[in-house]
């Protein structure tokens, strides 16, 4: 089957022809077939990206829905990392206080505290920069641009976000890279589901 993403752009014509469909022949898919297959893709950021990137001209509502999905994904991940850090600090703090209360300096206790403290450091290093909400419009623009085929250098991304090159590399690059990975995986998963639904329609 050819790239199913191309079919989304053909929703305006009455019939879209799909070469190399199941059975080796040529299947004709109407707009109803294509729209029906798209409806079989679970709602979410994957399908929203699929429609935004490959469908007919998106409406403002389509764009805002994708921006909301991207922002939600990023903020939820930021919150998870912050919680991991807070939990790690609390676990170490409680253990450290109890050791002091008990005046416990045994080697086993000291080693355990060192492990817990190291986990705090790891969780702290995974924290994202502050003021993520303020940066999300710029981050989303960079991420969607990549999905559309733009290949900006880190310096160009930093400029687009209005931050210095070193500031981007040391903090924001990880945010953008994480978000892009999630977006690419979600869009690919949606495309796979769309393809499967089309194959069922063409069978």
Protein backbone atom coordinates (compact mmCIF):
# COMPACT_ATOMS: atom_id res chain seq x y z
CA UNK A 1 0.00 0.00 0.00
CA UNK A 2 1.29 3.47 -0.85
CA UNK A 3 1.79 6.10 1.82
CA UNK A 4 -1.64 6.33 3.40
CA UNK A 5 -0.92 9.85 4.63
CA UNK A 6 -1.29 11.09 1.05
CA UNK A 7 -4.91 9.94 1.00
CA UNK A 8 -5.89 12.50 3.61
CA UNK A 9 -5.05 15.31 1.20
CA UNK A 10 -7.39 13.73 -1.39
CA UNK A 11 -10.52 14.01 0.69
CA UNK A 12 -11.78 16.77 -1.59
CA UNK A 13 -11.96 14.65 -4.81
CA UNK A 14 -14.88 12.27 -5.13
CA UNK A 15 -12.73 9.14 -5.45
CA UNK A 16 -9.18 8.38 -4.38
CA UNK A 17 -7.40 5.48 -6.10
CA UNK A 18 -5.18 3.29 -3.97
CA UNK A 19 -2.61 1.26 -5.92
CA UNK A 20 -1.18 -1.95 -4.51
CA UNK A 21 -3.98 -2.57 -2.05
CA UNK A 22 -4.76 -5.94 -0.49
CA UNK A 23 -4.98 -8.61 -3.18
CA UNK A 24 -2.54 -6.85 -5.49
CA UNK A 25 -5.19 -5.01 -7.48
CA UNK A 26 -6.37 -1.42 -7.50
CA UNK A 27 -8.99 -0.42 -4.99
CA UNK A 28 -11.14 2.65 -5.27
CA UNK A 29 -11.75 4.44 -2.03
CA UNK A 30 -14.40 7.11 -1.76
CA UNK A 31 -14.28 10.04 0.60
CA UNK A 32 -16.67 8.12 2.81
CA UNK A 33 -14.22 5.18 2.92
CA UNK A 34 -11.31 7.43 3.82
CA UNK A 35 -13.26 9.46 6.37
CA UNK A 36 -14.64 6.25 7.86
CA UNK A 37 -11.16 4.76 8.19
CA UNK A 38 -9.92 7.95 9.82
CA UNK A 39 -12.80 7.71 12.25
CA UNK A 40 -11.50 4.30 13.32
CA UNK A 41 -8.28 5.90 14.54
CA UNK A 42 -8.56 6.61 18.28
CA UNK A 43 -8.96 10.27 19.11
CA UNK A 44 -5.87 11.94 20.52
CA UNK A 45 -2.74 13.82 19.62
CA UNK A 46 -1.69 11.15 17.08
CA UNK A 47 -4.82 11.49 14.97
CA UNK A 48 -4.84 15.26 15.42
CA UNK A 49 -1.26 15.46 14.09
CA UNK A 50 -2.09 13.11 11.22
CA UNK A 51 -4.98 15.34 10.13
CA UNK A 52 -3.09 18.60 10.67
CA UNK A 53 0.01 17.54 8.75
CA UNK A 54 -1.55 15.60 5.90
CA UNK A 55 -5.21 16.55 5.62
CA UNK A 56 -6.86 19.39 3.71
CA UNK A 57 -6.33 22.96 4.90
CA UNK A 58 -6.70 22.83 8.69
CA UNK A 59 -9.08 25.13 10.50
CA UNK A 60 -8.04 27.29 13.42
CA UNK A 61 -9.80 24.78 15.65
CA UNK A 62 -7.63 21.96 14.26
CA UNK A 63 -4.48 23.92 14.98
CA UNK A 64 -5.56 24.86 18.48
CA UNK A 65 -6.48 21.25 19.26
CA UNK A 66 -2.97 20.11 18.33
CA UNK A 67 -1.38 22.93 20.32
CA UNK A 68 -3.48 21.97 23.35
CA UNK A 69 -2.50 18.32 23.00
CA UNK A 70 1.20 19.16 22.72
CA UNK A 71 1.04 21.51 25.69
CA UNK A 72 -0.82 18.97 27.81
CA UNK A 73 1.75 16.28 27.00
CA UNK A 74 4.68 18.53 27.90
CA UNK A 75 3.20 19.89 31.13
CA UNK A 76 2.18 16.44 32.34
CA UNK A 77 5.72 15.18 31.74
CA UNK A 78 7.13 18.23 33.55
CA UNK A 79 4.85 17.48 36.48
CA UNK A 80 5.89 13.80 36.53
CA UNK A 81 9.55 14.77 36.68
CA UNK A 82 8.90 17.30 39.43
CA UNK A 83 6.99 14.70 41.42
CA UNK A 84 9.78 12.15 40.97
CA UNK A 85 12.23 14.71 42.36
CA UNK A 86 9.99 15.62 45.30
CA UNK A 87 9.41 11.94 46.10
CA UNK A 88 13.13 11.18 45.94
CA UNK A 89 13.93 14.10 48.25
CA UNK A 90 11.23 13.04 50.70
CA UNK A 91 12.43 9.43 50.77
CA UNK A 92 16.03 10.50 51.38
CA UNK A 93 15.01 13.16 53.92
CA UNK A 94 12.94 10.76 56.00
CA UNK A 95 15.67 8.12 56.00
CA UNK A 96 18.31 10.70 56.91
CA UNK A 97 16.22 12.10 59.78
CA UNK A 98 15.52 8.65 61.20
CA UNK A 99 19.21 7.79 61.05
CA UNK A 100 20.00 10.97 62.99
CA UNK A 101 17.26 10.32 65.52
CA UNK A 102 18.63 6.82 66.11
CA UNK A 103 22.25 8.00 65.89
CA UNK A 104 22.67 5.21 63.37
CA UNK A 105 26.00 5.48 61.56
CA UNK A 106 26.36 1.84 60.64
CA UNK A 107 27.98 1.15 57.30
CA UNK A 108 24.78 -0.35 55.91
CA UNK A 109 22.78 2.76 56.85
CA UNK A 110 25.38 5.14 55.45
CA UNK A 111 25.48 3.21 52.17
CA UNK A 112 21.67 3.24 51.95
CA UNK A 113 21.59 7.01 52.50
CA UNK A 114 24.20 7.52 49.80
CA UNK A 115 22.07 5.53 47.34
CA UNK A 116 18.99 7.57 48.20
CA UNK A 117 20.92 10.82 47.86
CA UNK A 118 22.23 9.72 44.46
CA UNK A 119 18.63 9.10 43.36
CA UNK A 120 17.79 12.65 44.38
CA UNK A 121 20.62 13.92 42.18
CA UNK A 122 19.43 11.86 39.21
CA UNK A 123 15.86 13.12 39.62
CA UNK A 124 17.11 16.70 39.94
CA UNK A 125 19.09 16.39 36.72
CA UNK A 126 15.94 15.25 34.91
CA UNK A 127 13.99 18.36 35.90
CA UNK A 128 12.98 20.64 33.05
CA UNK A 129 13.64 24.39 33.09
CA UNK A 130 11.17 26.64 34.85
CA UNK A 131 8.55 28.76 33.07
CA UNK A 132 7.72 25.98 30.63
CA UNK A 133 4.22 27.42 30.12
CA UNK A 134 5.71 30.64 28.75
CA UNK A 135 7.89 28.76 26.28
CA UNK A 136 5.28 26.30 25.01
CA UNK A 137 4.03 28.39 22.04
CA UNK A 138 7.60 28.64 20.72
CA UNK A 139 8.39 25.00 21.50
CA UNK A 140 5.21 23.85 19.76
CA UNK A 141 6.05 25.95 16.70
CA UNK A 142 9.51 24.40 16.48
CA UNK A 143 8.15 20.88 16.99
CA UNK A 144 5.36 21.19 14.43
CA UNK A 145 7.82 22.73 11.98
CA UNK A 146 10.01 19.64 12.35
CA UNK A 147 7.02 17.39 11.70
CA UNK A 148 6.39 19.37 8.52
CA UNK A 149 9.94 18.80 7.31
CA UNK A 150 11.86 21.76 8.72
CA UNK A 151 15.33 20.79 9.88
CA UNK A 152 16.65 23.58 12.09
CA UNK A 153 19.96 23.46 13.88
CA UNK A 154 20.06 23.88 17.65
CA UNK A 155 21.21 27.46 17.10
CA UNK A 156 18.24 28.14 14.82
CA UNK A 157 15.87 26.55 17.30
CA UNK A 158 17.31 28.70 20.06
CA UNK A 159 16.76 31.80 17.94
CA UNK A 160 13.18 30.75 17.19
CA UNK A 161 12.55 30.35 20.92
CA UNK A 162 14.25 33.62 21.82
CA UNK A 163 16.92 32.06 24.04
CA UNK A 164 20.69 31.89 23.86
CA UNK A 165 22.45 28.99 22.19
CA UNK A 166 23.95 27.67 25.44
CA UNK A 167 20.65 28.11 27.31
CA UNK A 168 18.91 26.03 24.66
CA UNK A 169 21.51 23.26 24.71
CA UNK A 170 21.68 23.06 28.50
CA UNK A 171 17.94 23.08 29.18
CA UNK A 172 15.42 23.38 26.39
CA UNK A 173 16.94 20.95 23.89
CA UNK A 174 15.93 18.00 26.08
CA UNK A 175 12.35 19.30 26.26
CA UNK A 176 12.09 19.72 22.48
CA UNK A 177 13.71 16.34 21.77
CA UNK A 178 11.42 14.54 24.24
CA UNK A 179 8.34 16.20 22.79
CA UNK A 180 9.35 15.42 19.21
CA UNK A 181 9.86 11.76 20.09
CA UNK A 182 6.37 11.56 21.59
CA UNK A 183 4.80 13.38 18.64
CA UNK A 184 6.52 11.23 16.04
CA UNK A 185 5.53 8.02 17.80
CA UNK A 186 1.93 9.16 18.25
CA UNK A 187 1.57 10.22 14.61
CA UNK A 188 3.13 6.98 13.35
CA UNK A 189 0.81 4.92 15.54
CA UNK A 190 -2.19 6.84 14.19
CA UNK A 191 -0.97 6.32 10.60
CA UNK A 192 -0.64 2.58 11.24
CA UNK A 193 -4.21 2.40 12.59
CA UNK A 194 -5.44 4.42 9.61
CA UNK A 195 -3.65 2.07 7.22
CA UNK A 196 -5.19 -0.97 8.89
CA UNK A 197 -8.67 0.53 8.66
CA UNK A 198 -8.14 1.34 4.97
CA UNK A 199 -7.04 -2.20 4.25
CA UNK A 200 -10.24 -3.47 5.81
CA UNK A 201 -12.26 -1.06 3.65
CA UNK A 202 -10.41 -2.13 0.50
CA UNK A 203 -10.68 -5.86 1.19
